[in-house]
């Protein structure tokens, strides 16, 4: 299947270049739109979510993500040796993966919370988002195909 995809990409390389430049144009459009927009007001739902609820929700999404499970099934065997006990190695790998995921999600939550407080109602919020769009457009445009 992947070799068929490779043949399609090789055969229609011009279409991929066109798709790339359409993506660049769209990112520039989004940046222009964000630069010109005023201060946004955010409507917040009446339901409050505690940090612990957010963490549990993020962990549930992460643990039920089929791509993550598939990647784990493909990568974990590379780190298991035949000289040690399988169960202890598998438990150690899962524990390390959970600790890494937990710390990454915690960093996202704390960072987004702090950044959100600073940018809420700020005239700079849209300018920052627009600069991210322009940066992504620049990176995409600079990639050779």
C-alpha atoms as a PDB file:
ATOM      1  CA  UNK A   1       0.000   0.000   0.000  1.00  0.00           C
ATOM      2  CA  UNK A   2       2.763   2.475   0.911  1.00  0.00           C
ATOM      3  CA  UNK A   3       4.640   1.690  -2.285  1.00  0.00           C
ATOM      4  CA  UNK A   4       1.473   2.542  -4.222  1.00  0.00           C
ATOM      5  CA  UNK A   5       1.322   5.853  -2.384  1.00  0.00           C
ATOM      6  CA  UNK A   6       4.956   6.479  -3.291  1.00  0.00           C
ATOM      7  CA  UNK A   7       4.190   5.838  -6.967  1.00  0.00           C
ATOM      8  CA  UNK A   8       1.268   8.282  -6.822  1.00  0.00           C
ATOM      9  CA  UNK A   9       3.440  10.945  -5.209  1.00  0.00           C
ATOM     10  CA  UNK A  10       6.193  10.427  -7.786  1.00  0.00           C
ATOM     11  CA  UNK A  11       3.751  10.463 -10.690  1.00  0.00           C
ATOM     12  CA  UNK A  12       1.855  13.575  -9.575  1.00  0.00           C
ATOM     13  CA  UNK A  13       4.673  15.604  -8.009  1.00  0.00           C
ATOM     14  CA  UNK A  14       3.411  18.758  -9.711  1.00  0.00           C
ATOM     15  CA  UNK A  15       0.068  18.415  -7.963  1.00  0.00           C
ATOM     16  CA  UNK A  16       1.830  18.201  -4.613  1.00  0.00           C
ATOM     17  CA  UNK A  17       3.813  21.358  -5.374  1.00  0.00           C
ATOM     18  CA  UNK A  18       0.576  23.115  -6.287  1.00  0.00           C
ATOM     19  CA  UNK A  19      -1.036  21.840  -3.077  1.00  0.00           C
ATOM     20  CA  UNK A  20       1.942  23.125  -1.076  1.00  0.00           C
ATOM     21  CA  UNK A  21       1.632  26.628  -2.555  1.00  0.00           C
ATOM     22  CA  UNK A  22      -2.121  26.609  -1.975  1.00  0.00           C
ATOM     23  CA  UNK A  23      -1.345  25.852   1.677  1.00  0.00           C
ATOM     24  CA  UNK A  24       1.150  28.728   1.809  1.00  0.00           C
ATOM     25  CA  UNK A  25      -1.428  31.094   0.292  1.00  0.00           C
ATOM     26  CA  UNK A  26      -4.070  29.947   2.777  1.00  0.00           C
ATOM     27  CA  UNK A  27      -1.741  30.502   5.742  1.00  0.00           C
ATOM     28  CA  UNK A  28      -0.902  33.989   4.477  1.00  0.00           C
ATOM     29  CA  UNK A  29      -4.646  34.675   4.084  1.00  0.00           C
ATOM     30  CA  UNK A  30      -5.272  33.550   7.677  1.00  0.00           C
ATOM     31  CA  UNK A  31      -2.407  35.744   8.895  1.00  0.00           C
ATOM     32  CA  UNK A  32      -3.801  38.778   7.043  1.00  0.00           C
ATOM     33  CA  UNK A  33      -7.259  38.106   8.469  1.00  0.00           C
ATOM     34  CA  UNK A  34      -5.846  37.784  11.999  1.00  0.00           C
ATOM     35  CA  UNK A  35      -3.770  40.982  11.701  1.00  0.00           C
ATOM     36  CA  UNK A  36      -6.818  42.974  10.614  1.00  0.00           C
ATOM     37  CA  UNK A  37      -9.267  41.604  13.178  1.00  0.00           C
ATOM     38  CA  UNK A  38      -9.996  43.455  16.386  1.00  0.00           C
ATOM     39  CA  UNK A  39     -10.071  42.223  19.937  1.00  0.00           C
ATOM     40  CA  UNK A  40     -12.106  39.034  20.180  1.00  0.00           C
ATOM     41  CA  UNK A  41     -14.496  38.354  22.981  1.00  0.00           C
ATOM     42  CA  UNK A  42     -14.638  34.790  24.156  1.00  0.00           C
ATOM     43  CA  UNK A  43     -17.908  33.266  25.261  1.00  0.00           C
ATOM     44  CA  UNK A  44     -17.308  30.913  28.132  1.00  0.00           C
ATOM     45  CA  UNK A  45     -19.695  28.114  28.991  1.00  0.00           C
ATOM     46  CA  UNK A  46     -21.286  28.148  32.401  1.00  0.00           C
ATOM     47  CA  UNK A  47     -19.761  24.760  33.154  1.00  0.00           C
ATOM     48  CA  UNK A  48     -16.411  25.136  34.890  1.00  0.00           C
ATOM     49  CA  UNK A  49     -13.711  22.540  34.505  1.00  0.00           C
ATOM     50  CA  UNK A  50     -11.121  22.023  37.199  1.00  0.00           C
ATOM     51  CA  UNK A  51      -7.495  21.342  36.397  1.00  0.00           C
ATOM     52  CA  UNK A  52      -7.835  17.760  37.635  1.00  0.00           C
ATOM     53  CA  UNK A  53     -10.819  17.209  35.310  1.00  0.00           C
ATOM     54  CA  UNK A  54      -8.792  18.613  32.409  1.00  0.00           C
ATOM     55  CA  UNK A  55      -5.893  16.296  33.231  1.00  0.00           C
ATOM     56  CA  UNK A  56      -8.179  13.259  33.435  1.00  0.00           C
ATOM     57  CA  UNK A  57      -9.805  14.203  30.148  1.00  0.00           C
ATOM     58  CA  UNK A  58      -6.416  14.633  28.455  1.00  0.00           C
ATOM     59  CA  UNK A  59      -5.225  11.285  29.831  1.00  0.00           C
ATOM     60  CA  UNK A  60      -8.405   9.550  28.626  1.00  0.00           C
ATOM     61  CA  UNK A  61      -7.939  10.968  25.136  1.00  0.00           C
ATOM     62  CA  UNK A  62      -4.286   9.990  25.112  1.00  0.00           C
ATOM     63  CA  UNK A  63      -4.876   6.454  26.338  1.00  0.00           C
ATOM     64  CA  UNK A  64      -7.662   5.818  23.821  1.00  0.00           C
ATOM     65  CA  UNK A  65      -5.872   7.354  20.839  1.00  0.00           C
ATOM     66  CA  UNK A  66      -5.542   4.537  18.269  1.00  0.00           C
ATOM     67  CA  UNK A  67      -2.507   6.150  16.608  1.00  0.00           C
ATOM     68  CA  UNK A  68      -0.655   6.304  19.905  1.00  0.00           C
ATOM     69  CA  UNK A  69      -1.549   2.701  20.688  1.00  0.00           C
ATOM     70  CA  UNK A  70      -0.372   1.556  17.253  1.00  0.00           C
ATOM     71  CA  UNK A  71       2.869   3.508  17.564  1.00  0.00           C
ATOM     72  CA  UNK A  72       3.444   1.979  20.995  1.00  0.00           C
ATOM     73  CA  UNK A  73       2.876  -1.524  19.633  1.00  0.00           C
ATOM     74  CA  UNK A  74       5.474  -0.889  16.937  1.00  0.00           C
ATOM     75  CA  UNK A  75       8.080   0.875  19.079  1.00  0.00           C
ATOM     76  CA  UNK A  76       7.973  -0.907  22.452  1.00  0.00           C
ATOM     77  CA  UNK A  77       9.312  -4.251  21.155  1.00  0.00           C
ATOM     78  CA  UNK A  78      12.508  -2.467  20.084  1.00  0.00           C
ATOM     79  CA  UNK A  79      13.293  -1.771  23.747  1.00  0.00           C
ATOM     80  CA  UNK A  80      12.486  -5.201  25.173  1.00  0.00           C
ATOM     81  CA  UNK A  81      15.352  -7.645  25.464  1.00  0.00           C
ATOM     82  CA  UNK A  82      15.068 -11.401  25.614  1.00  0.00           C
ATOM     83  CA  UNK A  83      17.481 -11.580  28.560  1.00  0.00           C
ATOM     84  CA  UNK A  84      15.082  -9.894  31.020  1.00  0.00           C
ATOM     85  CA  UNK A  85      11.577 -10.599  32.251  1.00  0.00           C
ATOM     86  CA  UNK A  86       9.009  -9.410  29.719  1.00  0.00           C
ATOM     87  CA  UNK A  87       6.400  -8.179  32.214  1.00  0.00           C
ATOM     88  CA  UNK A  88       8.795  -5.987  34.189  1.00  0.00           C
ATOM     89  CA  UNK A  89      10.186  -4.446  30.987  1.00  0.00           C
ATOM     90  CA  UNK A  90       6.700  -3.799  29.589  1.00  0.00           C
ATOM     91  CA  UNK A  91       5.517  -2.235  32.850  1.00  0.00           C
ATOM     92  CA  UNK A  92       8.614  -0.009  32.965  1.00  0.00           C
ATOM     93  CA  UNK A  93       8.074   1.147  29.367  1.00  0.00           C
ATOM     94  CA  UNK A  94       4.411   1.932  29.993  1.00  0.00           C
ATOM     95  CA  UNK A  95       5.214   3.768  33.229  1.00  0.00           C
ATOM     96  CA  UNK A  96       7.839   5.916  31.507  1.00  0.00           C
ATOM     97  CA  UNK A  97       5.478   6.658  28.602  1.00  0.00           C
ATOM     98  CA  UNK A  98       2.694   7.659  31.007  1.00  0.00           C
ATOM     99  CA  UNK A  99       5.057   9.899  32.990  1.00  0.00           C
ATOM    100  CA  UNK A 100       6.240  11.619  29.813  1.00  0.00           C
ATOM    101  CA  UNK A 101       2.681  12.096  28.529  1.00  0.00           C
ATOM    102  CA  UNK A 102       1.517  13.397  31.890  1.00  0.00           C
ATOM    103  CA  UNK A 103       4.329  15.938  32.105  1.00  0.00           C
ATOM    104  CA  UNK A 104       3.725  17.119  28.532  1.00  0.00           C
ATOM    105  CA  UNK A 105      -0.030  17.561  29.095  1.00  0.00           C
ATOM    106  CA  UNK A 106       0.594  19.300  32.417  1.00  0.00           C
ATOM    107  CA  UNK A 107       2.990  21.700  30.703  1.00  0.00           C
ATOM    108  CA  UNK A 108       0.414  22.408  27.978  1.00  0.00           C
ATOM    109  CA  UNK A 109      -2.338  23.053  30.524  1.00  0.00           C
ATOM    110  CA  UNK A 110      -0.275  25.324  32.759  1.00  0.00           C
ATOM    111  CA  UNK A 111       1.252  27.174  29.804  1.00  0.00           C
ATOM    112  CA  UNK A 112      -2.091  27.682  28.056  1.00  0.00           C
ATOM    113  CA  UNK A 113      -3.693  28.858  31.279  1.00  0.00           C
ATOM    114  CA  UNK A 114      -0.980  31.441  31.945  1.00  0.00           C
ATOM    115  CA  UNK A 115      -0.802  32.600  28.330  1.00  0.00           C
ATOM    116  CA  UNK A 116      -4.593  32.774  28.116  1.00  0.00           C
ATOM    117  CA  UNK A 117      -4.761  35.070  31.149  1.00  0.00           C
ATOM    118  CA  UNK A 118      -2.239  37.443  29.566  1.00  0.00           C
ATOM    119  CA  UNK A 119      -3.785  37.453  26.108  1.00  0.00           C
ATOM    120  CA  UNK A 120      -7.489  37.451  26.998  1.00  0.00           C
ATOM    121  CA  UNK A 121      -8.928  40.640  25.555  1.00  0.00           C
ATOM    122  CA  UNK A 122      -5.501  41.800  24.400  1.00  0.00           C
ATOM    123  CA  UNK A 123      -4.970  43.513  21.067  1.00  0.00           C
ATOM    124  CA  UNK A 124      -1.749  41.519  20.727  1.00  0.00           C
ATOM    125  CA  UNK A 125      -3.397  38.086  20.764  1.00  0.00           C
ATOM    126  CA  UNK A 126      -4.393  38.165  17.091  1.00  0.00           C
ATOM    127  CA  UNK A 127      -1.026  39.636  16.122  1.00  0.00           C
ATOM    128  CA  UNK A 128       0.768  36.733  17.794  1.00  0.00           C
ATOM    129  CA  UNK A 129      -1.483  34.186  16.071  1.00  0.00           C
ATOM    130  CA  UNK A 130      -0.936  35.959  12.741  1.00  0.00           C
ATOM    131  CA  UNK A 131       2.832  35.795  13.215  1.00  0.00           C
ATOM    132  CA  UNK A 132       2.555  32.035  13.834  1.00  0.00           C
ATOM    133  CA  UNK A 133       0.605  31.691  10.580  1.00  0.00           C
ATOM    134  CA  UNK A 134       3.240  33.690   8.712  1.00  0.00           C
ATOM    135  CA  UNK A 135       6.001  31.623  10.282  1.00  0.00           C
ATOM    136  CA  UNK A 136       4.296  28.381   9.255  1.00  0.00           C
ATOM    137  CA  UNK A 137       3.784  29.759   5.737  1.00  0.00           C
ATOM    138  CA  UNK A 138       7.482  30.690   5.549  1.00  0.00           C
ATOM    139  CA  UNK A 139       8.615  27.264   6.699  1.00  0.00           C
ATOM    140  CA  UNK A 140       6.275  25.551   4.247  1.00  0.00           C
ATOM    141  CA  UNK A 141       7.415  27.793   1.400  1.00  0.00           C
ATOM    142  CA  UNK A 142      11.074  27.147   2.165  1.00  0.00           C
ATOM    143  CA  UNK A 143      10.733  23.355   2.014  1.00  0.00           C
ATOM    144  CA  UNK A 144      11.849  21.853  -1.254  1.00  0.00           C
ATOM    145  CA  UNK A 145       9.604  19.292  -2.876  1.00  0.00           C
END
